[in-house]
Protein backbone atom coordinates (compact mmCIF):
# COMPACT_ATOMS: atom_id res chain seq x y z
CA UNK A 1 -17.34 -28.04 -32.46
CA UNK A 2 -20.91 -28.39 -34.28
CA UNK A 3 -21.49 -31.62 -35.26
CA UNK A 4 -23.42 -31.86 -38.99
CA UNK A 5 -26.89 -33.23 -38.53
CA UNK A 6 -25.95 -36.95 -40.40
CA UNK A 7 -23.04 -37.49 -37.24
CA UNK A 8 -25.07 -36.92 -34.17
CA UNK A 9 -26.29 -39.19 -32.14
CA UNK A 10 -29.97 -40.88 -31.90
CA UNK A 11 -29.55 -42.12 -28.41
CA UNK A 12 -31.56 -39.36 -26.17
CA UNK A 13 -29.57 -39.25 -23.21
CA UNK A 14 -25.94 -38.61 -25.33
CA UNK A 15 -27.93 -35.86 -27.00
CA UNK A 16 -28.84 -34.06 -23.34
CA UNK A 17 -25.06 -34.42 -22.71
CA UNK A 18 -24.32 -32.23 -25.94
CA UNK A 19 -26.85 -29.92 -25.34
CA UNK A 20 -25.78 -29.03 -21.68
CA UNK A 21 -21.53 -29.21 -22.68
CA UNK A 22 -23.09 -26.59 -25.23
CA UNK A 23 -24.73 -24.40 -22.72
CA UNK A 24 -21.83 -24.37 -20.69
CA UNK A 25 -19.60 -23.47 -23.30
CA UNK A 26 -21.95 -20.65 -24.61
CA UNK A 27 -21.78 -19.19 -20.56
CA UNK A 28 -18.46 -19.07 -20.82
CA UNK A 29 -17.84 -17.39 -24.02
CA UNK A 30 -20.86 -14.55 -23.06
CA UNK A 31 -18.95 -14.61 -19.51
CA UNK A 32 -15.60 -13.81 -21.00
CA UNK A 33 -16.77 -11.28 -23.81
CA UNK A 34 -19.10 -9.52 -20.69
CA UNK A 35 -15.65 -9.30 -18.75
CA UNK A 36 -13.53 -8.13 -21.41
CA UNK A 37 -16.68 -5.00 -21.79
CA UNK A 38 -16.29 -4.54 -18.38
CA UNK A 39 -12.36 -4.32 -18.28
CA UNK A 40 -12.34 -1.87 -21.34
CA UNK A 41 -15.73 0.21 -20.88
CA UNK A 42 -17.41 -0.28 -17.02
CA UNK A 43 -16.10 0.82 -13.78
CA UNK A 44 -13.55 -0.90 -11.59
CA UNK A 45 -15.16 -0.43 -8.17
CA UNK A 46 -15.90 -3.13 -6.11
CA UNK A 47 -18.44 -1.49 -3.75
CA UNK A 48 -22.02 -3.08 -3.01
CA UNK A 49 -23.32 0.01 -3.52
CA UNK A 50 -22.43 0.61 -6.32
CA UNK A 51 -22.71 -2.99 -7.85
CA UNK A 52 -26.25 -3.01 -6.60
CA UNK A 53 -27.46 0.10 -8.17
CA UNK A 54 -26.15 -0.62 -11.36
CA UNK A 55 -28.68 -2.93 -11.97
CA UNK A 56 -31.50 -1.26 -10.86
CA UNK A 57 -33.05 -0.20 -14.44
CA UNK A 58 -32.55 -3.76 -15.70
CA UNK A 59 -36.27 -4.38 -15.01
CA UNK A 60 -36.76 -5.58 -11.23
CA UNK A 61 -40.09 -6.14 -9.87
CA UNK A 62 -41.35 -3.25 -7.48
CA UNK A 63 -41.02 -5.04 -4.26
CA UNK A 64 -37.62 -5.54 -5.03
CA UNK A 65 -36.79 -2.20 -6.04
CA UNK A 66 -37.95 -1.13 -3.33
CA UNK A 67 -36.10 -3.32 -1.34
CA UNK A 68 -33.38 -1.63 1.70
CA UNK A 69 -30.05 -1.40 0.12
CA UNK A 70 -27.22 -4.16 2.03
CA UNK A 71 -24.91 -2.95 4.48
CA UNK A 72 -21.54 -1.51 2.92
CA UNK A 73 -18.98 -4.25 2.55
CA UNK A 74 -15.15 -3.58 2.98
CA UNK A 75 -14.72 -0.35 1.85
CA UNK A 76 -17.99 0.87 1.00
CA UNK A 77 -19.17 4.41 1.87
CA UNK A 78 -22.74 4.89 3.80
CA UNK A 79 -25.61 2.98 1.59
CA UNK A 80 -27.74 4.79 -0.22
CA UNK A 81 -31.22 4.46 -1.52
CA UNK A 82 -32.08 2.68 -4.46
CA UNK A 83 -33.53 6.01 -6.11
CA UNK A 84 -30.36 7.69 -5.17
CA UNK A 85 -28.31 6.06 -8.36
CA UNK A 86 -26.14 9.27 -8.89
CA UNK A 87 -22.94 9.35 -6.90
CA UNK A 88 -23.06 11.09 -3.74
CA UNK A 89 -20.61 13.74 -2.61
CA UNK A 90 -18.15 12.78 0.07
CA UNK A 91 -18.01 15.82 2.19
CA UNK A 92 -14.74 18.22 1.50
CA UNK A 93 -12.06 17.65 3.88
CA UNK A 94 -11.15 21.44 4.95
CA UNK A 95 -8.88 23.18 7.25
CA UNK A 96 -11.59 25.53 8.22
CA UNK A 97 -10.48 28.07 11.27
CA UNK A 98 -7.16 27.32 11.92
CA UNK A 99 -3.95 25.59 10.22
CA UNK A 100 -1.82 23.31 11.98
CA UNK A 101 -0.29 24.52 14.78
CA UNK A 102 2.93 22.78 14.28
CA UNK A 103 3.91 24.47 11.20
CA UNK A 104 6.26 27.72 11.72
CA UNK A 105 4.29 31.14 11.63
CA UNK A 106 6.07 34.08 9.82
CA UNK A 107 4.50 37.39 10.65
CA UNK A 108 4.10 40.50 8.47
CA UNK A 109 2.13 43.63 9.15
CA UNK A 110 0.44 45.87 6.82
CA UNK A 111 0.18 49.53 7.92
CA UNK A 112 -2.09 51.75 6.58
CA UNK A 113 -0.94 54.83 4.50
CA UNK A 114 -1.19 57.24 6.98
CA UNK A 115 -1.95 57.37 10.73
CA UNK A 116 -3.71 60.86 10.50
CA UNK A 117 -7.27 61.52 11.24
CA UNK A 118 -8.81 62.63 8.14
CA UNK A 119 -11.19 64.63 9.99
CA UNK A 120 -9.53 66.60 12.44
CA UNK A 121 -5.90 65.70 11.63
CA UNK A 122 -5.04 64.20 14.79
CA UNK A 123 -3.15 61.48 15.30
CA UNK A 124 -4.45 57.84 15.16
CA UNK A 125 -3.96 55.27 17.78
CA UNK A 126 -4.02 51.38 17.77
CA UNK A 127 -7.59 49.79 19.20
CA UNK A 128 -6.80 46.35 17.65
CA UNK A 129 -5.91 44.38 14.75
CA UNK A 130 -7.56 41.81 12.10
CA UNK A 131 -5.30 38.57 11.92
CA UNK A 132 -5.68 35.86 9.39
CA UNK A 133 -3.47 32.97 8.10
CA UNK A 134 -2.61 31.71 4.75
CA UNK A 135 -0.81 28.23 3.97
CA UNK A 136 2.49 29.33 2.25
CA UNK A 137 5.32 27.50 0.84
CA UNK A 138 8.99 28.55 0.04
CA UNK A 139 10.49 26.91 -2.98
CA UNK A 140 13.30 24.73 -2.62
CA UNK A 141 16.53 26.38 -3.19
CA UNK A 142 19.68 24.57 -4.89
CA UNK A 143 22.56 25.94 -2.83
CA UNK A 144 26.20 25.14 -2.32
CA UNK A 145 27.54 24.27 1.14
CA UNK A 146 31.09 25.26 1.59
CA UNK A 147 32.95 23.47 4.70
CA UNK A 148 36.09 25.51 5.81
CA UNK A 149 38.40 23.36 7.93
CA UNK A 150 40.92 26.46 9.16
CA UNK A 151 44.65 24.87 9.84
CA UNK A 152 46.48 26.02 12.74
CA UNK A 153 50.24 26.06 13.74
CA UNK A 154 52.54 26.40 16.14
CA UNK A 155 54.79 29.76 15.59
CA UNK A 156 57.26 28.72 18.31
CA UNK A 157 58.12 25.29 17.25
CA UNK A 158 56.80 25.26 13.51
CA UNK A 159 56.23 21.36 13.71
CA UNK A 160 52.69 20.85 14.62
CA UNK A 161 49.79 21.73 12.12
CA UNK A 162 46.10 21.02 13.40
CA UNK A 163 43.01 20.67 11.32
CA UNK A 164 39.99 19.14 11.80
CA UNK A 165 39.57 16.34 9.67
CA UNK A 166 36.97 16.34 6.95
CA UNK A 167 33.01 14.69 7.44
CA UNK A 168 32.43 11.54 6.27
CA UNK A 169 30.40 12.05 3.34
CA UNK A 170 27.73 9.78 1.90
CA UNK A 171 28.98 9.97 -1.27
CA UNK A 172 33.06 10.11 -0.97
CA UNK A 173 34.71 12.56 -3.33
CA UNK A 174 31.18 13.60 -4.61
CA UNK A 175 29.67 16.72 -4.79
CA UNK A 176 26.40 15.97 -3.30
CA UNK A 177 25.07 16.90 0.14
CA UNK A 178 22.91 13.93 2.20
CA UNK A 179 20.09 16.25 2.42
CA UNK A 180 20.19 16.44 -1.60
CA UNK A 181 20.48 12.32 -2.24
CA UNK A 182 17.43 11.91 0.46
CA UNK A 183 15.42 14.52 -1.73
CA UNK A 184 15.96 12.17 -4.70
CA UNK A 185 15.42 9.03 -3.05
CA UNK A 186 12.25 10.49 -1.53
CA UNK A 187 10.70 11.69 -4.66
CA UNK A 188 11.09 8.60 -6.44
CA UNK A 189 10.87 5.95 -3.81
CA UNK A 190 8.08 7.43 -1.76
CA UNK A 191 6.24 9.96 -3.98
CA UNK A 192 6.52 7.72 -7.26
CA UNK A 193 8.88 10.10 -9.55
CA UNK A 194 11.50 9.01 -11.65
CA UNK A 195 15.26 9.84 -12.15
CA UNK A 196 14.72 11.33 -15.16
CA UNK A 197 12.47 14.10 -13.90
CA UNK A 198 14.33 14.61 -11.07
CA UNK A 199 17.51 15.20 -13.64
CA UNK A 200 15.10 17.75 -15.86
CA UNK A 201 13.99 19.33 -11.96
CA UNK A 202 17.55 19.84 -11.36
CA UNK A 203 18.30 21.47 -14.85
CA UNK A 204 15.89 23.82 -14.09
CA UNK A 205 17.75 24.69 -11.63
CA UNK A 206 20.72 25.32 -13.80
CA UNK A 207 22.23 22.28 -12.33
CA UNK A 208 22.99 19.50 -14.85
CA UNK A 209 23.19 16.24 -13.66
CA UNK A 210 22.95 13.15 -15.50
CA UNK A 211 20.36 9.94 -14.72
CA UNK A 212 23.23 7.45 -13.94
CA UNK A 213 24.98 9.86 -11.82
CA UNK A 214 21.48 9.90 -9.36
CA UNK A 215 21.41 6.01 -9.91
CA UNK A 216 24.82 5.76 -8.46
CA UNK A 217 23.61 7.63 -5.81
CA UNK A 218 20.84 5.64 -5.00
CA UNK A 219 22.75 2.40 -5.19
CA UNK A 220 25.11 4.05 -2.21
CA UNK A 221 22.28 4.84 -0.19
CA UNK A 222 20.48 1.41 -0.68
CA UNK A 223 24.19 -0.08 0.45
CA UNK A 224 24.45 2.28 3.34
CA UNK A 225 20.82 1.52 4.71
CA UNK A 226 20.95 -2.34 3.95
CA UNK A 227 21.73 -2.70 7.61
CA UNK A 228 18.83 -0.94 8.54
CA UNK A 229 16.42 -2.72 6.31
CA UNK A 230 17.52 -6.15 7.20
CA UNK A 231 16.85 -5.01 10.91
CA UNK A 232 13.19 -3.74 10.03
CA UNK A 233 12.46 -7.37 8.33
CA UNK A 234 13.77 -9.29 11.29
CA UNK A 235 11.62 -6.78 13.75
CA UNK A 236 8.42 -7.39 11.52
CA UNK A 237 9.23 -11.18 11.73
CA UNK A 238 9.22 -11.67 15.48
CA UNK A 239 5.35 -10.68 15.33
CA UNK A 240 3.42 -13.88 15.29
CA UNK A 241 0.96 -12.20 12.49
CA UNK A 242 2.29 -11.01 9.25
CA UNK A 243 0.56 -10.33 5.83
CA UNK A 244 2.00 -10.85 2.59
CA UNK A 245 1.52 -10.27 -1.24
CA UNK A 246 3.74 -9.84 -4.60
CA UNK A 247 3.43 -8.07 -7.70
CA UNK A 248 5.40 -8.41 -10.94
CA UNK A 249 8.16 -5.95 -12.33
CA UNK A 250 9.88 -5.68 -15.53
CA UNK A 251 13.76 -5.84 -15.12
CA UNK A 252 16.29 -5.17 -18.34
CA UNK A 253 17.73 -8.46 -19.60
CA UNK A 254 21.26 -7.43 -20.79
CA UNK A 255 21.64 -9.44 -23.96
CA UNK A 256 18.34 -10.51 -24.81
CA UNK A 257 17.30 -7.25 -25.87
CA UNK A 258 14.11 -7.15 -23.65
CA UNK A 259 12.64 -7.11 -20.33
CA UNK A 260 12.16 -9.98 -18.00
CA UNK A 261 9.67 -10.34 -15.52
CA UNK A 262 10.57 -10.69 -11.75
CA UNK A 263 8.71 -10.31 -8.50
CA UNK A 264 8.44 -7.37 -5.28
CA UNK A 265 7.41 -9.47 -2.50
CA UNK A 266 5.72 -7.21 0.30
CA UNK A 267 5.49 -8.10 3.89
CA UNK A 268 3.72 -6.72 6.43
CA UNK A 269 2.21 -5.79 9.71
CA UNK A 270 -0.34 -3.67 11.26
CA UNK A 271 -2.26 -4.46 14.93
CA UNK A 272 -3.67 -0.93 15.18
CA UNK A 273 -6.88 -1.78 14.26
CA UNK A 274 -6.90 -3.73 17.88
CA UNK A 275 -3.94 -1.59 19.57
CA UNK A 276 -1.81 -4.67 19.74
CA UNK A 277 2.35 -4.23 19.96
CA UNK A 278 3.17 -4.75 15.96
CA UNK A 279 4.16 -1.02 14.22
CA UNK A 280 2.54 -0.49 11.11
CA UNK A 281 5.47 -1.01 8.80
CA UNK A 282 6.07 -2.62 4.92
CA UNK A 283 9.09 -4.62 3.69
CA UNK A 284 9.65 -4.74 0.36
CA UNK A 285 11.94 -8.25 -1.13
CA UNK A 286 12.81 -8.10 -4.62
CA UNK A 287 13.20 -11.85 -6.18
CA UNK A 288 13.82 -13.37 -9.53
CA UNK A 289 10.39 -15.23 -8.97
CA UNK A 290 7.04 -15.62 -7.06
CA UNK A 291 7.18 -19.58 -6.43
CA UNK A 292 7.62 -21.34 -2.90
CA UNK A 293 11.22 -21.37 -2.88
CA UNK A 294 11.52 -17.70 -3.17
CA UNK A 295 8.97 -17.21 -0.25
CA UNK A 296 10.15 -20.05 1.44
CA UNK A 297 13.58 -18.24 2.11
CA UNK A 298 11.97 -14.88 2.66
CA UNK A 299 9.78 -16.31 6.09
CA UNK A 300 12.71 -18.62 6.92
CA UNK A 301 12.84 -17.65 10.58
CA UNK A 302 9.31 -16.96 10.89
CA UNK A 303 6.14 -18.81 12.75
CA UNK A 304 2.99 -17.98 13.27
CA UNK A 305 -0.31 -16.57 11.21
CA UNK A 306 0.39 -15.47 7.58
CA UNK A 307 -2.55 -13.77 5.92
CA UNK A 308 -2.35 -14.00 2.26
CA UNK A 309 -4.79 -14.40 -0.95
CA UNK A 310 -5.24 -17.87 -2.67
CA UNK A 311 -1.99 -17.87 -4.39
CA UNK A 312 -0.67 -21.71 -4.68
CA UNK A 313 2.64 -21.11 -3.53
CA UNK A 314 1.24 -19.92 0.09
CA UNK A 315 -0.53 -23.10 0.64
CA UNK A 316 2.55 -25.42 -0.81
CA UNK A 317 4.82 -23.59 1.95
CA UNK A 318 2.46 -24.04 4.72
CA UNK A 319 1.78 -27.79 4.04
CA UNK A 320 6.17 -28.57 3.26
CA UNK A 321 7.56 -30.41 5.98
CA UNK A 322 9.87 -27.45 6.75
CA UNK A 323 6.92 -25.12 7.49
CA UNK A 324 4.51 -27.92 8.92
CA UNK A 325 3.06 -26.86 11.91
CA UNK A 326 5.07 -23.54 11.92
CA UNK A 327 2.77 -21.23 9.51
CA UNK A 328 -0.77 -21.54 9.55
CA UNK A 329 -2.83 -19.46 6.52
CA UNK A 330 -5.24 -16.64 7.10
CA UNK A 331 -6.98 -16.50 3.70
CA UNK A 332 -9.00 -12.85 2.40
CA UNK A 333 -12.08 -12.86 2.35
CA UNK A 334 -12.06 -9.68 -0.01
CA UNK A 335 -10.57 -11.92 -2.56
CA UNK A 336 -13.52 -14.28 -2.02
CA UNK A 337 -15.74 -11.47 -2.45
CA UNK A 338 -13.97 -10.38 -5.56
CA UNK A 339 -15.14 -13.17 -7.46
CA UNK A 340 -18.92 -13.10 -6.83
CA UNK A 341 -18.85 -9.04 -7.84
CA UNK A 342 -16.98 -9.98 -11.00
CA UNK A 343 -19.93 -13.01 -11.47
CA UNK A 344 -22.70 -10.10 -10.67
CA UNK A 345 -20.99 -7.20 -13.01
CA UNK A 346 -21.03 -10.27 -16.19
CA UNK A 347 -24.21 -12.15 -15.46
CA UNK A 348 -26.68 -10.64 -12.89
CA UNK A 349 -26.85 -13.11 -11.19
CA UNK A 350 -28.63 -12.93 -7.96
CA UNK A 351 -27.21 -15.64 -6.21
CA UNK A 352 -23.96 -13.45 -6.43
CA UNK A 353 -25.70 -10.11 -5.12
CA UNK A 354 -26.87 -12.04 -2.46
CA UNK A 355 -23.51 -13.32 -0.86
CA UNK A 356 -21.97 -9.88 -1.36
CA UNK A 357 -24.91 -8.61 0.68
CA UNK A 358 -23.85 -11.47 2.95
CA UNK A 359 -20.11 -10.59 3.07
CA UNK A 360 -21.50 -6.74 3.73
CA UNK A 361 -23.45 -7.79 6.32
CA UNK A 362 -20.13 -9.53 8.38
CA UNK A 363 -18.06 -5.84 7.36
CA UNK A 364 -20.79 -3.95 9.07
CA UNK A 365 -19.84 -5.67 12.28
CA UNK A 366 -16.23 -5.60 11.32
CA UNK A 367 -16.61 -1.83 11.38
CA UNK A 368 -18.21 -1.83 14.86
CA UNK A 369 -15.58 -3.47 16.53
CA UNK A 370 -12.84 -2.04 15.21
CA UNK A 371 -10.39 -0.22 17.93
CA UNK A 372 -11.67 -2.68 20.44
CA UNK A 373 -9.16 -5.43 22.30
CA UNK A 374 -8.29 -8.70 20.89
CA UNK A 375 -11.00 -10.52 23.52
CA UNK A 376 -13.85 -8.47 22.85
CA UNK A 377 -13.46 -8.78 18.89
CA UNK A 378 -13.62 -12.45 19.27
CA UNK A 379 -16.54 -12.22 21.78
CA UNK A 380 -18.26 -10.24 19.24
CA UNK A 381 -17.27 -12.78 16.12
CA UNK A 382 -18.30 -15.46 17.53
CA UNK A 383 -21.74 -14.23 18.79
CA UNK A 384 -22.59 -12.04 15.78
CA UNK A 385 -20.26 -12.61 12.62
CA UNK A 386 -19.69 -16.75 13.17
CA UNK A 387 -23.48 -17.68 12.56
CA UNK A 388 -23.53 -15.79 9.26
CA UNK A 389 -20.20 -17.45 7.76
CA UNK A 390 -21.90 -20.57 8.71
CA UNK A 391 -25.19 -19.55 7.07
CA UNK A 392 -22.99 -18.57 4.26
CA UNK A 393 -21.19 -21.61 3.72
CA UNK A 394 -24.47 -23.87 3.87
CA UNK A 395 -25.92 -21.60 0.85
CA UNK A 396 -22.68 -22.19 -0.95
CA UNK A 397 -22.91 -26.09 -0.46
CA UNK A 398 -26.82 -26.40 -1.47
CA UNK A 399 -26.70 -24.19 -4.43
CA UNK A 400 -23.37 -25.38 -6.44
CA UNK A 401 -24.89 -28.73 -6.93
CA UNK A 402 -27.96 -27.25 -9.30
CA UNK A 403 -25.06 -25.08 -11.37
CA UNK A 404 -23.24 -26.35 -14.42
CA UNK A 405 -19.84 -27.44 -13.46
CA UNK A 406 -18.33 -25.15 -16.00
CA UNK A 407 -20.03 -21.85 -14.74
CA UNK A 408 -18.32 -18.83 -13.38
CA UNK A 409 -20.63 -19.15 -10.35
CA UNK A 410 -18.94 -22.51 -9.49
CA UNK A 411 -15.66 -21.45 -9.74
CA UNK A 412 -16.09 -18.55 -7.25
CA UNK A 413 -17.96 -20.81 -5.10
CA UNK A 414 -15.27 -23.40 -5.07
CA UNK A 415 -12.61 -20.77 -4.73
CA UNK A 416 -14.25 -20.08 -1.28
CA UNK A 417 -14.96 -23.49 -0.08
CA UNK A 418 -11.57 -24.98 -0.62
CA UNK A 419 -10.16 -22.04 1.71
CA UNK A 420 -12.93 -22.34 4.16
CA UNK A 421 -10.33 -22.70 6.96
CA UNK A 422 -8.38 -19.78 6.42
CA UNK A 423 -11.12 -17.50 5.34
CA UNK A 424 -13.01 -18.03 8.55
CA UNK A 425 -9.85 -18.17 11.18
CA UNK A 426 -10.64 -14.61 12.09
CA UNK A 427 -13.47 -15.77 13.98
CA UNK A 428 -10.78 -17.70 16.27
CA UNK A 429 -8.64 -15.15 16.88
CA UNK A 430 -9.51 -11.31 17.86
CA UNK A 431 -5.95 -10.17 16.55
CA UNK A 432 -6.59 -11.11 13.06
CA UNK A 433 -7.96 -9.39 10.34
CA UNK A 434 -10.29 -10.83 7.64
CA UNK A 435 -8.72 -9.63 5.00
CA UNK A 436 -5.19 -8.62 3.53
CA UNK A 437 -6.41 -5.09 2.79
CA UNK A 438 -3.40 -3.83 5.42
CA UNK A 439 -0.71 -5.44 2.80
CA UNK A 440 -2.84 -4.45 -0.59
CA UNK A 441 -2.65 -0.79 0.48
CA UNK A 442 0.84 -1.20 1.42
CA UNK A 443 2.11 -2.44 -1.68
CA UNK A 444 0.44 0.37 -3.92
CA UNK A 445 3.18 2.86 -3.95
CA UNK A 446 5.35 -0.26 -5.75
CA UNK A 447 2.55 -0.29 -8.10
CA UNK A 448 2.64 3.63 -8.89
CA UNK A 449 6.35 3.26 -9.19
CA UNK A 450 6.01 0.63 -11.70
CA UNK A 451 3.80 2.73 -13.92
CA UNK A 452 5.72 5.28 -14.18
CA UNK A 453 9.38 3.62 -14.58
CA UNK A 454 8.22 0.88 -16.81
CA UNK A 455 11.14 -1.34 -15.18
CA UNK A 456 14.25 -1.56 -12.94
CA UNK A 457 17.67 -1.19 -14.99
CA UNK A 458 18.68 -4.69 -13.40
CA UNK A 459 18.67 -6.84 -10.99
CA UNK A 460 20.62 -4.26 -8.32
CA UNK A 461 18.17 -1.70 -9.16
CA UNK A 462 15.47 -4.12 -7.84
CA UNK A 463 17.37 -4.52 -5.05
CA UNK A 464 17.98 -0.84 -4.27
CA UNK A 465 14.31 -0.51 -4.84
CA UNK A 466 13.29 -2.96 -2.10
CA UNK A 467 15.46 -1.29 0.38
CA UNK A 468 14.77 2.38 -0.25
CA UNK A 469 10.83 1.99 -0.93
CA UNK A 470 10.79 0.10 2.21
CA UNK A 471 12.09 2.68 4.81
CA UNK A 472 10.69 5.31 3.36
CA UNK A 473 6.96 3.76 3.54
CA UNK A 474 7.30 3.05 6.66
CA UNK A 475 7.68 6.12 7.42
CA UNK A 476 4.67 7.56 5.92
CA UNK A 477 2.80 4.63 8.02
CA UNK A 478 4.11 5.71 10.50
CA UNK A 479 2.76 9.54 10.12
CA UNK A 480 6.54 10.62 9.48
CA UNK A 481 8.04 13.10 6.62
CA UNK A 482 9.88 10.40 4.78
CA UNK A 483 12.41 13.15 3.17
CA UNK A 484 13.27 14.34 6.94
CA UNK A 485 13.37 10.97 8.03
CA UNK A 486 15.79 9.63 5.35
CA UNK A 487 18.11 12.76 5.67
CA UNK A 488 18.37 12.13 9.72
CA UNK A 489 19.04 8.59 9.45
CA UNK A 490 21.60 8.72 6.54
CA UNK A 491 23.78 11.48 8.61
CA UNK A 492 23.35 9.88 11.66
CA UNK A 493 24.78 6.38 9.90
CA UNK A 494 27.61 8.43 7.97
CA UNK A 495 28.45 10.22 10.80
CA UNK A 496 28.95 7.13 13.22
CA UNK A 497 26.80 8.68 15.62
CA UNK A 498 24.43 5.96 15.61
CA UNK A 499 26.29 2.39 15.33
CA UNK A 500 25.20 -0.91 13.87
CA UNK A 501 24.09 -1.98 17.69
CA UNK A 502 21.81 0.82 17.58
CA UNK A 503 20.01 0.31 14.72
CA UNK A 504 16.74 -0.43 16.32
CA UNK A 505 16.81 3.21 17.35
CA UNK A 506 16.32 4.32 13.75
CA UNK A 507 13.44 2.13 12.78
CA UNK A 508 10.37 4.36 11.77
CA UNK A 509 8.10 3.22 14.67
CA UNK A 510 11.09 4.02 17.00
CA UNK A 511 12.58 7.36 15.33
CA UNK A 512 12.88 10.78 17.18
CA UNK A 513 14.79 13.60 14.87
CA UNK A 514 18.36 14.04 16.13
CA UNK A 515 18.71 17.80 16.87
CA UNK A 516 22.50 17.68 17.98
CA UNK A 517 23.70 18.70 14.72
CA UNK A 518 21.10 21.71 14.56
CA UNK A 519 22.77 24.03 16.51
CA UNK A 520 26.44 23.54 15.29
CA UNK A 521 24.36 24.51 11.36
CA UNK A 522 22.93 27.51 12.70
CA UNK A 523 26.04 28.77 14.48
CA UNK A 524 27.85 28.41 11.31
């Protein structure tokens, strides 16, 4: 609020204080405007190569313009020279020379119209051949699977009648096979389609099935898979390192005529970066909120390092009496970096650019040690990364005192310093990652599904989504085809070939295709 001249104080110190407050307010407003413009019109990439390149035309001195670009940070590609402001085209990923060996080969031979010599009318003989391969696709075809169970009776006594029992079905008294249900589930929960689209695809092949029927199929599938889902969560929580994140989802709120906000929590494990024992896996947990109560219930039996972003619920969880000493928090360096990216994009701050470059040097070391064992990673981090992080902390502490407390740069610095112990925990343990990118990548299928489906029908639909999506996306992380995996798992569970005490065999990282039923199908 601007004071009229007659109400302004005459004390110089009070005037200076008012001026500083107004400066801080103006800076905050300018930053908000720049942020909104960036959200609407600007690129969303956080790559340091692109961030710095965008600022080259803003009147930098010649010495600064000719300086070498910083090393790439986090997910950046190869650094380009400052003069190269055009986007670098990535090398195309093509199968040149051979197609995958595991795919079946179907041969077709094309003979010439005649094998008579055009010169002397003699018979031509084969001297060789030219072979080429193309990737082909056989369109999916709906069919009716007729199950015939002959009855046999005794002519002598006319008493006994023998007939094979009907095979159990996933959808009892229904007309859908397990393979059809698995196809619908994989399309929705693994590839981001919707039940509405699935109904249209089926209608295009002459089969009319409404969405409510498909939804009931999914609910039944989730009920069947719930034991395997819980077994996967238990197996993941048995490892002492776990990633965690959450994302909101809209759920219909009956009686109020609108939706309410619930949450999908994502738990993830992946030790492939140092060849550790934890498999690549993700488990989604549907909950009504995102507070400490929800995450405490989910991690009731977990002990170890929890790698998370800076959300306050995790800090409260690690600090309460129940989990004190059992859960240690490792924070995400990418989230800290992201704050400086926003500051640099909106204010062109030289200090923010410096921080981005310093963190880029840390990730250049991470790229070099990826794939080494935990002990080797720790040795390199202690020798090379630790001095970089200590120097970065010193720069934070010496810079923040000379900046207005209301500036976005100070907020970015405070965010990092308040979480410094968790941000640098990876320096002491080679098994840890410097960020939560593992779970950030794992939660993307949920984000895509939310965008396509808009909301869950009810809380039961959210639970169904969590169960099926957890198993299918874990299958994808382990290099499996989710539809084939789900079909086999359901058939083995429905038929009873895999009992509840052997569910660990069906976890994606342990799963092997069950070929026992294949000869019978072929014979039929």
